[in-house]
PDB file of N, CA and C in Angstrom:
ATOM      1  N   UNK A   1       0.837  -1.185   0.000  1.00  0.00           N
ATOM      2  CA  UNK A   1       0.000   0.000   0.000  1.00  0.00           C
ATOM      3  C   UNK A   1       0.883   1.250   0.000  1.00  0.00           C
ATOM      4  N   UNK A   2       0.426   2.237  -0.716  1.00  0.00           N
ATOM      5  CA  UNK A   2       1.122   3.522  -0.777  1.00  0.00           C
ATOM      6  C   UNK A   2       0.242   4.590  -0.145  1.00  0.00           C
ATOM      7  N   UNK A   3       0.864   5.667   0.286  1.00  0.00           N
ATOM      8  CA  UNK A   3       0.127   6.838   0.734  1.00  0.00           C
ATOM      9  C   UNK A   3      -0.010   7.761  -0.470  1.00  0.00           C
ATOM     10  N   UNK A   4      -1.253   8.146  -0.748  1.00  0.00           N
ATOM     11  CA  UNK A   4      -1.536   9.028  -1.885  1.00  0.00           C
ATOM     12  C   UNK A   4      -2.374  10.207  -1.417  1.00  0.00           C
ATOM     13  N   UNK A   5      -2.313  11.292  -2.171  1.00  0.00           N
ATOM     14  CA  UNK A   5      -3.145  12.461  -1.926  1.00  0.00           C
ATOM     15  C   UNK A   5      -4.146  12.578  -3.068  1.00  0.00           C
ATOM     16  N   UNK A   6      -5.364  12.941  -2.712  1.00  0.00           N
ATOM     17  CA  UNK A   6      -6.421  13.117  -3.701  1.00  0.00           C
ATOM     18  C   UNK A   6      -7.008  14.507  -3.525  1.00  0.00           C
ATOM     19  N   UNK A   7      -7.192  15.205  -4.642  1.00  0.00           N
ATOM     20  CA  UNK A   7      -7.754  16.553  -4.636  1.00  0.00           C
ATOM     21  C   UNK A   7      -9.186  16.511  -5.110  1.00  0.00           C
ATOM     22  N   UNK A   8      -9.922  17.538  -4.697  1.00  0.00           N
ATOM     23  CA  UNK A   8     -11.280  17.693  -5.172  1.00  0.00           C
ATOM     24  C   UNK A   8     -11.816  19.053  -4.784  1.00  0.00           C
ATOM     25  N   UNK A   9     -12.949  19.409  -5.374  1.00  0.00           N
ATOM     26  CA  UNK A   9     -13.598  20.676  -5.040  1.00  0.00           C
ATOM     27  C   UNK A   9     -15.044  20.622  -5.497  1.00  0.00           C
ATOM     28  N   UNK A  10     -15.831  21.497  -4.904  1.00  0.00           N
ATOM     29  CA  UNK A  10     -17.220  21.669  -5.299  1.00  0.00           C
ATOM     30  C   UNK A  10     -17.613  23.110  -5.036  1.00  0.00           C
ATOM     31  N   UNK A  11     -18.725  23.503  -5.614  1.00  0.00           N
ATOM     32  CA  UNK A  11     -19.195  24.877  -5.442  1.00  0.00           C
ATOM     33  C   UNK A  11     -20.641  24.849  -4.964  1.00  0.00           C
ATOM     34  N   UNK A  12     -20.956  25.714  -4.004  1.00  0.00           N
ATOM     35  CA  UNK A  12     -22.319  25.863  -3.509  1.00  0.00           C
ATOM     36  C   UNK A  12     -23.021  26.966  -4.297  1.00  0.00           C
ATOM     37  N   UNK A  13     -24.333  26.831  -4.457  1.00  0.00           N
ATOM     38  CA  UNK A  13     -25.110  27.888  -5.101  1.00  0.00           C
ATOM     39  C   UNK A  13     -25.299  29.065  -4.152  1.00  0.00           C
ATOM     40  N   UNK A  14     -25.540  28.762  -2.867  1.00  0.00           N
ATOM     41  CA  UNK A  14     -25.695  29.770  -1.818  1.00  0.00           C
ATOM     42  C   UNK A  14     -25.022  29.250  -0.564  1.00  0.00           C
ATOM     43  N   UNK A  15     -24.668  30.159   0.318  1.00  0.00           N
ATOM     44  CA  UNK A  15     -24.048  29.769   1.585  1.00  0.00           C
ATOM     45  C   UNK A  15     -25.144  29.398   2.583  1.00  0.00           C
ATOM     46  N   UNK A  16     -25.390  28.103   2.710  1.00  0.00           N
ATOM     47  CA  UNK A  16     -26.346  27.617   3.708  1.00  0.00           C
ATOM     48  C   UNK A  16     -25.821  26.310   4.278  1.00  0.00           C
ATOM     49  N   UNK A  17     -26.224  26.026   5.498  1.00  0.00           N
ATOM     50  CA  UNK A  17     -25.787  24.799   6.160  1.00  0.00           C
ATOM     51  C   UNK A  17     -26.229  23.568   5.363  1.00  0.00           C
ATOM     52  N   UNK A  18     -27.430  23.614   4.806  1.00  0.00           N
ATOM     53  CA  UNK A  18     -27.957  22.483   4.035  1.00  0.00           C
ATOM     54  C   UNK A  18     -27.159  22.261   2.750  1.00  0.00           C
ATOM     55  N   UNK A  19     -26.864  23.351   2.037  1.00  0.00           N
ATOM     56  CA  UNK A  19     -26.071  23.205   0.811  1.00  0.00           C
ATOM     57  C   UNK A  19     -24.656  22.744   1.123  1.00  0.00           C
ATOM     58  N   UNK A  20     -24.087  23.247   2.226  1.00  0.00           N
ATOM     59  CA  UNK A  20     -22.756  22.820   2.644  1.00  0.00           C
ATOM     60  C   UNK A  20     -22.757  21.305   2.880  1.00  0.00           C
ATOM     61  N   UNK A  21     -23.728  20.845   3.642  1.00  0.00           N
ATOM     62  CA  UNK A  21     -23.815  19.412   3.959  1.00  0.00           C
ATOM     63  C   UNK A  21     -23.964  18.585   2.680  1.00  0.00           C
ATOM     64  N   UNK A  22     -24.911  18.954   1.835  1.00  0.00           N
ATOM     65  CA  UNK A  22     -25.147  18.195   0.605  1.00  0.00           C
ATOM     66  C   UNK A  22     -23.918  18.181  -0.301  1.00  0.00           C
ATOM     67  N   UNK A  23     -23.271  19.322  -0.463  1.00  0.00           N
ATOM     68  CA  UNK A  23     -22.120  19.415  -1.362  1.00  0.00           C
ATOM     69  C   UNK A  23     -20.924  18.629  -0.840  1.00  0.00           C
ATOM     70  N   UNK A  24     -20.659  18.719   0.471  1.00  0.00           N
ATOM     71  CA  UNK A  24     -19.521  17.997   1.041  1.00  0.00           C
ATOM     72  C   UNK A  24     -19.756  16.490   0.983  1.00  0.00           C
ATOM     73  N   UNK A  25     -20.951  16.066   1.332  1.00  0.00           N
ATOM     74  CA  UNK A  25     -21.250  14.628   1.284  1.00  0.00           C
ATOM     75  C   UNK A  25     -21.173  14.109  -0.146  1.00  0.00           C
ATOM     76  N   UNK A  26     -21.698  14.879  -1.104  1.00  0.00           N
ATOM     77  CA  UNK A  26     -21.596  14.478  -2.511  1.00  0.00           C
ATOM     78  C   UNK A  26     -20.135  14.375  -2.943  1.00  0.00           C
ATOM     79  N   UNK A  27     -19.333  15.380  -2.603  1.00  0.00           N
ATOM     80  CA  UNK A  27     -17.926  15.393  -2.991  1.00  0.00           C
ATOM     81  C   UNK A  27     -17.158  14.232  -2.361  1.00  0.00           C
ATOM     82  N   UNK A  28     -17.287  14.089  -1.061  1.00  0.00           N
ATOM     83  CA  UNK A  28     -16.531  13.037  -0.375  1.00  0.00           C
ATOM     84  C   UNK A  28     -16.992  11.644  -0.802  1.00  0.00           C
ATOM     85  N   UNK A  29     -18.281  11.447  -0.955  1.00  0.00           N
ATOM     86  CA  UNK A  29     -18.794  10.148  -1.402  1.00  0.00           C
ATOM     87  C   UNK A  29     -18.288   9.808  -2.800  1.00  0.00           C
ATOM     88  N   UNK A  30     -18.244  10.803  -3.679  1.00  0.00           N
ATOM     89  CA  UNK A  30     -17.767  10.585  -5.041  1.00  0.00           C
ATOM     90  C   UNK A  30     -16.275  10.275  -5.060  1.00  0.00           C
ATOM     91  N   UNK A  31     -15.510  10.979  -4.249  1.00  0.00           N
ATOM     92  CA  UNK A  31     -14.071  10.688  -4.157  1.00  0.00           C
ATOM     93  C   UNK A  31     -13.851   9.260  -3.673  1.00  0.00           C
ATOM     94  N   UNK A  32     -14.542   8.878  -2.600  1.00  0.00           N
ATOM     95  CA  UNK A  32     -14.373   7.529  -2.055  1.00  0.00           C
ATOM     96  C   UNK A  32     -14.768   6.477  -3.090  1.00  0.00           C
ATOM     97  N   UNK A  33     -15.927   6.649  -3.710  1.00  0.00           N
ATOM     98  CA  UNK A  33     -16.421   5.671  -4.687  1.00  0.00           C
ATOM     99  C   UNK A  33     -15.486   5.549  -5.886  1.00  0.00           C
ATOM    100  N   UNK A  34     -15.069   6.686  -6.440  1.00  0.00           N
ATOM    101  CA  UNK A  34     -14.269   6.659  -7.661  1.00  0.00           C
ATOM    102  C   UNK A  34     -12.812   6.272  -7.442  1.00  0.00           C
ATOM    103  N   UNK A  35     -12.424   6.126  -6.185  1.00  0.00           N
ATOM    104  CA  UNK A  35     -11.068   5.673  -5.862  1.00  0.00           C
ATOM    105  C   UNK A  35     -11.076   4.381  -5.058  1.00  0.00           C
ATOM    106  N   UNK A  36     -12.245   3.728  -4.985  1.00  0.00           N
ATOM    107  CA  UNK A  36     -12.398   2.456  -4.266  1.00  0.00           C
ATOM    108  C   UNK A  36     -11.848   2.536  -2.844  1.00  0.00           C
ATOM    109  N   UNK A  37     -12.273   3.575  -2.115  1.00  0.00           N
ATOM    110  CA  UNK A  37     -11.796   3.790  -0.755  1.00  0.00           C
ATOM    111  C   UNK A  37     -12.927   3.648   0.248  1.00  0.00           C
ATOM    112  N   UNK A  38     -12.560   3.293   1.467  1.00  0.00           N
ATOM    113  CA  UNK A  38     -13.490   3.334   2.596  1.00  0.00           C
ATOM    114  C   UNK A  38     -12.907   4.299   3.624  1.00  0.00           C
ATOM    115  N   UNK A  39     -13.681   4.628   4.620  1.00  0.00           N
ATOM    116  CA  UNK A  39     -13.193   5.574   5.630  1.00  0.00           C
ATOM    117  C   UNK A  39     -11.945   5.047   6.335  1.00  0.00           C
ATOM    118  N   UNK A  40     -11.801   3.742   6.457  1.00  0.00           N
ATOM    119  CA  UNK A  40     -10.621   3.182   7.128  1.00  0.00           C
ATOM    120  C   UNK A  40      -9.343   3.355   6.310  1.00  0.00           C
ATOM    121  N   UNK A  41      -9.465   3.687   5.029  1.00  0.00           N
ATOM    122  CA  UNK A  41      -8.295   3.944   4.184  1.00  0.00           C
ATOM    123  C   UNK A  41      -7.777   5.374   4.326  1.00  0.00           C
ATOM    124  N   UNK A  42      -8.583   6.252   4.924  1.00  0.00           N
ATOM    125  CA  UNK A  42      -8.228   7.663   5.002  1.00  0.00           C
ATOM    126  C   UNK A  42      -7.274   7.934   6.155  1.00  0.00           C
ATOM    127  N   UNK A  43      -6.282   8.757   5.897  1.00  0.00           N
ATOM    128  CA  UNK A  43      -5.312   9.170   6.909  1.00  0.00           C
ATOM    129  C   UNK A  43      -5.720  10.519   7.495  1.00  0.00           C
ATOM    130  N   UNK A  44      -6.024  11.483   6.617  1.00  0.00           N
ATOM    131  CA  UNK A  44      -6.456  12.803   7.071  1.00  0.00           C
ATOM    132  C   UNK A  44      -7.128  13.530   5.914  1.00  0.00           C
ATOM    133  N   UNK A  45      -7.936  14.534   6.273  1.00  0.00           N
ATOM    134  CA  UNK A  45      -8.635  15.322   5.263  1.00  0.00           C
ATOM    135  C   UNK A  45      -8.535  16.792   5.642  1.00  0.00           C
ATOM    136  N   UNK A  46      -8.084  17.603   4.690  1.00  0.00           N
ATOM    137  CA  UNK A  46      -8.013  19.051   4.850  1.00  0.00           C
ATOM    138  C   UNK A  46      -9.034  19.680   3.920  1.00  0.00           C
ATOM    139  N   UNK A  47      -9.938  20.472   4.490  1.00  0.00           N
ATOM    140  CA  UNK A  47     -10.909  21.231   3.708  1.00  0.00           C
ATOM    141  C   UNK A  47     -10.512  22.695   3.739  1.00  0.00           C
ATOM    142  N   UNK A  48     -10.674  23.379   2.608  1.00  0.00           N
ATOM    143  CA  UNK A  48     -10.626  24.844   2.612  1.00  0.00           C
ATOM    144  C   UNK A  48     -11.944  25.341   2.047  1.00  0.00           C
ATOM    145  N   UNK A  49     -12.345  26.503   2.512  1.00  0.00           N
ATOM    146  CA  UNK A  49     -13.562  27.138   2.021  1.00  0.00           C
ATOM    147  C   UNK A  49     -13.235  28.588   1.691  1.00  0.00           C
ATOM    148  N   UNK A  50     -13.820  29.083   0.633  1.00  0.00           N
ATOM    149  CA  UNK A  50     -13.619  30.485   0.292  1.00  0.00           C
ATOM    150  C   UNK A  50     -14.214  31.346   1.402  1.00  0.00           C
ATOM    151  N   UNK A  51     -13.701  32.572   1.581  1.00  0.00           N
ATOM    152  CA  UNK A  51     -14.129  33.420   2.699  1.00  0.00           C
ATOM    153  C   UNK A  51     -15.623  33.748   2.724  1.00  0.00           C
ATOM    154  N   UNK A  52     -16.321  33.524   1.616  1.00  0.00           N
ATOM    155  CA  UNK A  52     -17.759  33.811   1.575  1.00  0.00           C
ATOM    156  C   UNK A  52     -18.615  32.666   2.115  1.00  0.00           C
ATOM    157  N   UNK A  53     -17.996  31.571   2.545  1.00  0.00           N
ATOM    158  CA  UNK A  53     -18.730  30.450   3.135  1.00  0.00           C
ATOM    159  C   UNK A  53     -18.535  30.461   4.648  1.00  0.00           C
ATOM    160  N   UNK A  54     -19.597  30.795   5.373  1.00  0.00           N
ATOM    161  CA  UNK A  54     -19.506  30.920   6.828  1.00  0.00           C
ATOM    162  C   UNK A  54     -20.640  30.199   7.559  1.00  0.00           C
ATOM    163  N   UNK A  55     -21.500  29.488   6.837  1.00  0.00           N
ATOM    164  CA  UNK A  55     -22.676  28.876   7.458  1.00  0.00           C
ATOM    165  C   UNK A  55     -22.340  27.655   8.305  1.00  0.00           C
ATOM    166  N   UNK A  56     -21.242  26.962   8.004  1.00  0.00           N
ATOM    167  CA  UNK A  56     -20.862  25.764   8.756  1.00  0.00           C
ATOM    168  C   UNK A  56     -19.442  25.365   8.356  1.00  0.00           C
ATOM    169  N   UNK A  57     -18.908  24.409   9.106  1.00  0.00           N
ATOM    170  CA  UNK A  57     -17.596  23.846   8.795  1.00  0.00           C
ATOM    171  C   UNK A  57     -17.781  22.672   7.837  1.00  0.00           C
ATOM    172  N   UNK A  58     -17.028  22.585   6.746  1.00  0.00           N
ATOM    173  CA  UNK A  58     -17.115  21.413   5.884  1.00  0.00           C
ATOM    174  C   UNK A  58     -16.838  20.104   6.645  1.00  0.00           C
ATOM    175  N   UNK A  59     -15.945  20.138   7.608  1.00  0.00           N
ATOM    176  CA  UNK A  59     -15.631  18.924   8.372  1.00  0.00           C
ATOM    177  C   UNK A  59     -16.837  18.401   9.145  1.00  0.00           C
ATOM    178  N   UNK A  60     -17.739  19.281   9.558  1.00  0.00           N
ATOM    179  CA  UNK A  60     -18.944  18.829  10.274  1.00  0.00           C
ATOM    180  C   UNK A  60     -19.787  17.941   9.371  1.00  0.00           C
ATOM    181  N   UNK A  61     -19.874  18.271   8.103  1.00  0.00           N
ATOM    182  CA  UNK A  61     -20.617  17.439   7.152  1.00  0.00           C
ATOM    183  C   UNK A  61     -19.918  16.111   6.926  1.00  0.00           C
ATOM    184  N   UNK A  62     -18.600  16.117   6.881  1.00  0.00           N
ATOM    185  CA  UNK A  62     -17.854  14.869   6.720  1.00  0.00           C
ATOM    186  C   UNK A  62     -18.057  13.959   7.930  1.00  0.00           C
ATOM    187  N   UNK A  63     -18.090  14.545   9.117  1.00  0.00           N
ATOM    188  CA  UNK A  63     -18.371  13.734  10.306  1.00  0.00           C
ATOM    189  C   UNK A  63     -19.772  13.138  10.226  1.00  0.00           C
ATOM    190  N   UNK A  64     -20.728  13.929   9.734  1.00  0.00           N
ATOM    191  CA  UNK A  64     -22.108  13.448   9.603  1.00  0.00           C
ATOM    192  C   UNK A  64     -22.220  12.241   8.683  1.00  0.00           C
ATOM    193  N   UNK A  65     -21.313  12.111   7.727  1.00  0.00           N
ATOM    194  CA  UNK A  65     -21.375  10.978   6.803  1.00  0.00           C
ATOM    195  C   UNK A  65     -20.546   9.789   7.288  1.00  0.00           C
ATOM    196  N   UNK A  66     -20.064   9.852   8.529  1.00  0.00           N
ATOM    197  CA  UNK A  66     -19.372   8.705   9.106  1.00  0.00           C
ATOM    198  C   UNK A  66     -17.866   8.786   9.115  1.00  0.00           C
ATOM    199  N   UNK A  67     -17.298   9.959   8.914  1.00  0.00           N
ATOM    200  CA  UNK A  67     -15.841  10.089   8.914  1.00  0.00           C
ATOM    201  C   UNK A  67     -15.318  10.643  10.238  1.00  0.00           C
ATOM    202  N   UNK A  68     -16.030  10.406  11.312  1.00  0.00           N
ATOM    203  CA  UNK A  68     -15.671  10.941  12.618  1.00  0.00           C
ATOM    204  C   UNK A  68     -14.350  10.443  13.178  1.00  0.00           C
ATOM    205  N   UNK A  69     -13.888   9.290  12.746  1.00  0.00           N
ATOM    206  CA  UNK A  69     -12.615   8.757  13.240  1.00  0.00           C
ATOM    207  C   UNK A  69     -11.418   9.251  12.425  1.00  0.00           C
ATOM    208  N   UNK A  70     -11.678   9.923  11.314  1.00  0.00           N
ATOM    209  CA  UNK A  70     -10.618  10.449  10.442  1.00  0.00           C
ATOM    210  C   UNK A  70     -10.257  11.852  10.915  1.00  0.00           C
ATOM    211  N   UNK A  71      -8.972  12.173  11.078  1.00  0.00           N
ATOM    212  CA  UNK A  71      -8.599  13.547  11.406  1.00  0.00           C
ATOM    213  C   UNK A  71      -9.023  14.503  10.288  1.00  0.00           C
ATOM    214  N   UNK A  72      -9.828  15.488  10.652  1.00  0.00           N
ATOM    215  CA  UNK A  72     -10.369  16.472   9.702  1.00  0.00           C
ATOM    216  C   UNK A  72     -10.012  17.869  10.174  1.00  0.00           C
ATOM    217  N   UNK A  73      -9.751  18.763   9.247  1.00  0.00           N
ATOM    218  CA  UNK A  73      -9.486  20.151   9.609  1.00  0.00           C
ATOM    219  C   UNK A  73      -9.987  21.063   8.486  1.00  0.00           C
ATOM    220  N   UNK A  74     -10.388  22.261   8.877  1.00  0.00           N
ATOM    221  CA  UNK A  74     -10.860  23.268   7.917  1.00  0.00           C
ATOM    222  C   UNK A  74      -9.963  24.494   7.987  1.00  0.00           C
ATOM    223  N   UNK A  75      -9.858  25.178   6.861  1.00  0.00           N
ATOM    224  CA  UNK A  75      -9.117  26.428   6.772  1.00  0.00           C
ATOM    225  C   UNK A  75      -9.812  27.319   5.753  1.00  0.00           C
ATOM    226  N   UNK A  76      -9.471  28.592   5.789  1.00  0.00           N
ATOM    227  CA  UNK A  76     -10.017  29.539   4.827  1.00  0.00           C
ATOM    228  C   UNK A  76      -9.070  29.626   3.638  1.00  0.00           C
ATOM    229  N   UNK A  77      -9.630  29.509   2.448  1.00  0.00           N
ATOM    230  CA  UNK A  77      -8.871  29.648   1.212  1.00  0.00           C
ATOM    231  C   UNK A  77      -8.450  31.115   1.066  1.00  0.00           C
ATOM    232  N   UNK A  78      -7.313  31.367   0.449  1.00  0.00           N
ATOM    233  CA  UNK A  78      -6.907  32.756   0.253  1.00  0.00           C
ATOM    234  C   UNK A  78      -7.903  33.464  -0.650  1.00  0.00           C
ATOM    235  N   UNK A  79      -8.104  34.737  -0.386  1.00  0.00           N
ATOM    236  CA  UNK A  79      -9.130  35.530  -1.055  1.00  0.00           C
ATOM    237  C   UNK A  79      -8.546  36.194  -2.299  1.00  0.00           C
ATOM    238  N   UNK A  80      -8.427  35.432  -3.367  1.00  0.00           N
ATOM    239  CA  UNK A  80      -7.875  35.940  -4.623  1.00  0.00           C
ATOM    240  C   UNK A  80      -8.987  36.658  -5.393  1.00  0.00           C
ATOM    241  N   UNK A  81      -8.742  37.889  -5.824  1.00  0.00           N
ATOM    242  CA  UNK A  81      -9.762  38.616  -6.585  1.00  0.00           C
ATOM    243  C   UNK A  81     -10.219  37.823  -7.816  1.00  0.00           C
ATOM    244  N   UNK A  82     -11.518  37.835  -8.060  1.00  0.00           N
ATOM    245  CA  UNK A  82     -12.146  37.183  -9.212  1.00  0.00           C
ATOM    246  C   UNK A  82     -12.033  35.661  -9.215  1.00  0.00           C
ATOM    247  N   UNK A  83     -11.726  35.055  -8.061  1.00  0.00           N
ATOM    248  CA  UNK A  83     -11.683  33.597  -8.004  1.00  0.00           C
ATOM    249  C   UNK A  83     -13.097  33.042  -7.853  1.00  0.00           C
ATOM    250  N   UNK A  84     -13.231  31.756  -8.043  1.00  0.00           N
ATOM    251  CA  UNK A  84     -14.530  31.090  -7.985  1.00  0.00           C
ATOM    252  C   UNK A  84     -15.124  31.231  -6.587  1.00  0.00           C
ATOM    253  N   UNK A  85     -16.311  31.812  -6.457  1.00  0.00           N
ATOM    254  CA  UNK A  85     -16.912  32.004  -5.135  1.00  0.00           C
ATOM    255  C   UNK A  85     -17.554  30.726  -4.606  1.00  0.00           C
ATOM    256  N   UNK A  86     -17.834  30.719  -3.297  1.00  0.00           N
ATOM    257  CA  UNK A  86     -18.571  29.648  -2.615  1.00  0.00           C
ATOM    258  C   UNK A  86     -18.002  28.266  -2.928  1.00  0.00           C
ATOM    259  N   UNK A  87     -16.696  28.146  -2.827  1.00  0.00           N
ATOM    260  CA  UNK A  87     -16.007  26.916  -3.222  1.00  0.00           C
ATOM    261  C   UNK A  87     -15.376  26.223  -2.025  1.00  0.00           C
ATOM    262  N   UNK A  88     -15.568  24.923  -1.975  1.00  0.00           N
ATOM    263  CA  UNK A  88     -14.929  24.069  -0.971  1.00  0.00           C
ATOM    264  C   UNK A  88     -13.922  23.208  -1.709  1.00  0.00           C
ATOM    265  N   UNK A  89     -12.707  23.218  -1.206  1.00  0.00           N
ATOM    266  CA  UNK A  89     -11.656  22.362  -1.761  1.00  0.00           C
ATOM    267  C   UNK A  89     -11.289  21.322  -0.715  1.00  0.00           C
ATOM    268  N   UNK A  90     -10.817  20.178  -1.185  1.00  0.00           N
ATOM    269  CA  UNK A  90     -10.414  19.115  -0.268  1.00  0.00           C
ATOM    270  C   UNK A  90      -9.088  18.520  -0.743  1.00  0.00           C
ATOM    271  N   UNK A  91      -8.263  18.182   0.226  1.00  0.00           N
ATOM    272  CA  UNK A  91      -7.041  17.420  -0.002  1.00  0.00           C
ATOM    273  C   UNK A  91      -7.078  16.292   1.009  1.00  0.00           C
ATOM    274  N   UNK A  92      -7.212  15.074   0.522  1.00  0.00           N
ATOM    275  CA  UNK A  92      -7.223  13.951   1.460  1.00  0.00           C
ATOM    276  C   UNK A  92      -6.040  13.053   1.217  1.00  0.00           C
ATOM    277  N   UNK A  93      -5.554  12.477   2.299  1.00  0.00           N
ATOM    278  CA  UNK A  93      -4.450  11.527   2.247  1.00  0.00           C
ATOM    279  C   UNK A  93      -5.009  10.159   2.595  1.00  0.00           C
ATOM    280  N   UNK A  94      -4.585   9.157   1.820  1.00  0.00           N
ATOM    281  CA  UNK A  94      -5.126   7.813   2.022  1.00  0.00           C
ATOM    282  C   UNK A  94      -4.072   6.765   1.736  1.00  0.00           C
ATOM    283  N   UNK A  95      -4.383   5.561   2.174  1.00  0.00           N
ATOM    284  CA  UNK A  95      -3.594   4.391   1.807  1.00  0.00           C
ATOM    285  C   UNK A  95      -4.340   3.689   0.685  1.00  0.00           C
ATOM    286  N   UNK A  96      -3.627   3.390  -0.389  1.00  0.00           N
ATOM    287  CA  UNK A  96      -4.256   2.749  -1.543  1.00  0.00           C
ATOM    288  C   UNK A  96      -3.221   1.948  -2.315  1.00  0.00           C
ATOM    289  N   UNK A  97      -3.697   0.982  -3.043  1.00  0.00           N
ATOM    290  CA  UNK A  97      -2.797   0.227  -3.922  1.00  0.00           C
ATOM    291  C   UNK A  97      -2.704   0.874  -5.305  1.00  0.00           C
ATOM    292  N   UNK A  98      -3.467   1.919  -5.539  1.00  0.00           N
ATOM    293  CA  UNK A  98      -3.426   2.616  -6.830  1.00  0.00           C
ATOM    294  C   UNK A  98      -2.146   3.436  -6.969  1.00  0.00           C
ATOM    295  N   UNK A  99      -1.653   3.526  -8.201  1.00  0.00           N
ATOM    296  CA  UNK A  99      -0.523   4.426  -8.438  1.00  0.00           C
ATOM    297  C   UNK A  99      -1.082   5.822  -8.739  1.00  0.00           C
ATOM    298  N   UNK A 100      -0.206   6.809  -8.878  1.00  0.00           N
ATOM    299  CA  UNK A 100      -0.662   8.187  -9.058  1.00  0.00           C
ATOM    300  C   UNK A 100      -1.522   8.370 -10.306  1.00  0.00           C
ATOM    301  N   UNK A 101      -1.215   7.652 -11.364  1.00  0.00           N
ATOM    302  CA  UNK A 101      -1.983   7.784 -12.598  1.00  0.00           C
ATOM    303  C   UNK A 101      -3.398   7.219 -12.463  1.00  0.00           C
ATOM    304  N   UNK A 102      -3.620   6.353 -11.490  1.00  0.00           N
ATOM    305  CA  UNK A 102      -4.933   5.728 -11.300  1.00  0.00           C
ATOM    306  C   UNK A 102      -5.827   6.488 -10.318  1.00  0.00           C
ATOM    307  N   UNK A 103      -5.300   7.531  -9.713  1.00  0.00           N
ATOM    308  CA  UNK A 103      -6.074   8.323  -8.751  1.00  0.00           C
ATOM    309  C   UNK A 103      -7.065   9.197  -9.518  1.00  0.00           C
ATOM    310  N   UNK A 104      -8.300   9.248  -9.028  1.00  0.00           N
ATOM    311  CA  UNK A 104      -9.342  10.082  -9.625  1.00  0.00           C
ATOM    312  C   UNK A 104      -9.568  11.310  -8.753  1.00  0.00           C
ATOM    313  N   UNK A 105      -9.126  12.457  -9.233  1.00  0.00           N
ATOM    314  CA  UNK A 105      -9.366  13.735  -8.572  1.00  0.00           C
ATOM    315  C   UNK A 105     -10.755  14.204  -9.013  1.00  0.00           C
ATOM    316  N   UNK A 106     -11.550  14.681  -8.077  1.00  0.00           N
ATOM    317  CA  UNK A 106     -12.965  14.933  -8.355  1.00  0.00           C
ATOM    318  C   UNK A 106     -13.311  16.411  -8.174  1.00  0.00           C
ATOM    319  N   UNK A 107     -13.824  17.012  -9.224  1.00  0.00           N
ATOM    320  CA  UNK A 107     -14.262  18.404  -9.205  1.00  0.00           C
ATOM    321  C   UNK A 107     -15.712  18.434  -9.677  1.00  0.00           C
ATOM    322  N   UNK A 108     -16.606  18.880  -8.807  1.00  0.00           N
ATOM    323  CA  UNK A 108     -18.037  18.837  -9.084  1.00  0.00           C
ATOM    324  C   UNK A 108     -18.622  20.229  -9.220  1.00  0.00           C
ATOM    325  N   UNK A 109     -19.820  20.248  -9.775  1.00  0.00           N
ATOM    326  CA  UNK A 109     -20.593  21.480  -9.928  1.00  0.00           C
ATOM    327  C   UNK A 109     -19.739  22.540 -10.629  1.00  0.00           C
ATOM    328  N   UNK A 110     -19.813  23.776 -10.221  1.00  0.00           N
ATOM    329  CA  UNK A 110     -19.048  24.847 -10.858  1.00  0.00           C
ATOM    330  C   UNK A 110     -17.547  24.701 -10.700  1.00  0.00           C
ATOM    331  N   UNK A 111     -17.115  23.916  -9.720  1.00  0.00           N
ATOM    332  CA  UNK A 111     -15.678  23.734  -9.485  1.00  0.00           C
ATOM    333  C   UNK A 111     -15.016  22.861 -10.535  1.00  0.00           C
ATOM    334  N   UNK A 112     -15.798  22.247 -11.405  1.00  0.00           N
ATOM    335  CA  UNK A 112     -15.214  21.433 -12.475  1.00  0.00           C
ATOM    336  C   UNK A 112     -14.296  22.262 -13.367  1.00  0.00           C
ATOM    337  N   UNK A 113     -14.493  23.577 -13.374  1.00  0.00           N
ATOM    338  CA  UNK A 113     -13.665  24.462 -14.206  1.00  0.00           C
ATOM    339  C   UNK A 113     -12.280  24.716 -13.614  1.00  0.00           C
ATOM    340  N   UNK A 114     -12.069  24.339 -12.360  1.00  0.00           N
ATOM    341  CA  UNK A 114     -10.810  24.689 -11.694  1.00  0.00           C
ATOM    342  C   UNK A 114      -9.601  23.911 -12.199  1.00  0.00           C
ATOM    343  N   UNK A 115      -9.749  22.608 -12.367  1.00  0.00           N
ATOM    344  CA  UNK A 115      -8.592  21.778 -12.726  1.00  0.00           C
ATOM    345  C   UNK A 115      -8.968  20.780 -13.804  1.00  0.00           C
ATOM    346  N   UNK A 116      -9.256  21.275 -14.981  1.00  0.00           N
ATOM    347  CA  UNK A 116      -9.608  20.388 -16.087  1.00  0.00           C
ATOM    348  C   UNK A 116      -8.456  19.453 -16.445  1.00  0.00           C
ATOM    349  N   UNK A 117      -7.242  19.832 -16.048  1.00  0.00           N
ATOM    350  CA  UNK A 117      -6.076  19.014 -16.373  1.00  0.00           C
ATOM    351  C   UNK A 117      -6.013  17.725 -15.564  1.00  0.00           C
ATOM    352  N   UNK A 118      -6.601  17.705 -14.350  1.00  0.00           N
ATOM    353  CA  UNK A 118      -6.532  16.482 -13.540  1.00  0.00           C
ATOM    354  C   UNK A 118      -7.890  15.925 -13.152  1.00  0.00           C
ATOM    355  N   UNK A 119      -8.957  16.669 -13.365  1.00  0.00           N
ATOM    356  CA  UNK A 119     -10.270  16.170 -12.952  1.00  0.00           C
ATOM    357  C   UNK A 119     -10.742  15.090 -13.914  1.00  0.00           C
ATOM    358  N   UNK A 120     -11.538  14.197 -13.382  1.00  0.00           N
ATOM    359  CA  UNK A 120     -12.047  13.077 -14.146  1.00  0.00           C
ATOM    360  C   UNK A 120     -13.467  13.357 -14.597  1.00  0.00           C
ATOM    361  N   UNK A 121     -13.835  12.843 -15.749  1.00  0.00           N
ATOM    362  CA  UNK A 121     -15.222  12.923 -16.192  1.00  0.00           C
ATOM    363  C   UNK A 121     -15.998  11.815 -15.505  1.00  0.00           C
ATOM    364  N   UNK A 122     -16.937  12.210 -14.659  1.00  0.00           N
ATOM    365  CA  UNK A 122     -17.713  11.233 -13.925  1.00  0.00           C
ATOM    366  C   UNK A 122     -19.194  11.537 -14.082  1.00  0.00           C
ATOM    367  N   UNK A 123     -19.976  10.505 -13.926  1.00  0.00           N
ATOM    368  CA  UNK A 123     -21.424  10.703 -13.945  1.00  0.00           C
ATOM    369  C   UNK A 123     -21.860  11.249 -12.600  1.00  0.00           C
ATOM    370  N   UNK A 124     -22.688  12.299 -12.632  1.00  0.00           N
ATOM    371  CA  UNK A 124     -23.192  12.868 -11.387  1.00  0.00           C
ATOM    372  C   UNK A 124     -24.619  12.444 -11.165  1.00  0.00           C
TER     373      UNK A 124
END
């Protein structure tokens, strides 16, 4: 098994606790599914949120989906002018037998525009 990092992001339509929960659960579930991972494979998860998202912590939604035993942390993304608003980014570290080329980085909703070079085309 190797330790790998997986990137992802999603965008909320509005800053609300419900949208935060739905978007984080969708993002994390898609990352886990598309990389054949379970919560026991995760080492740690770092979430960042753009400064316009203040309704809740992304990590609270991850705990709600059963990731309470995984070390989770949130931070504020730097406030770059004209950057994508209402965006949650994730960097997770995991143990996997996949090599780097087999890792599926997941960008959903409006965040799909952020990293077309590494994001995977997935069915939503």
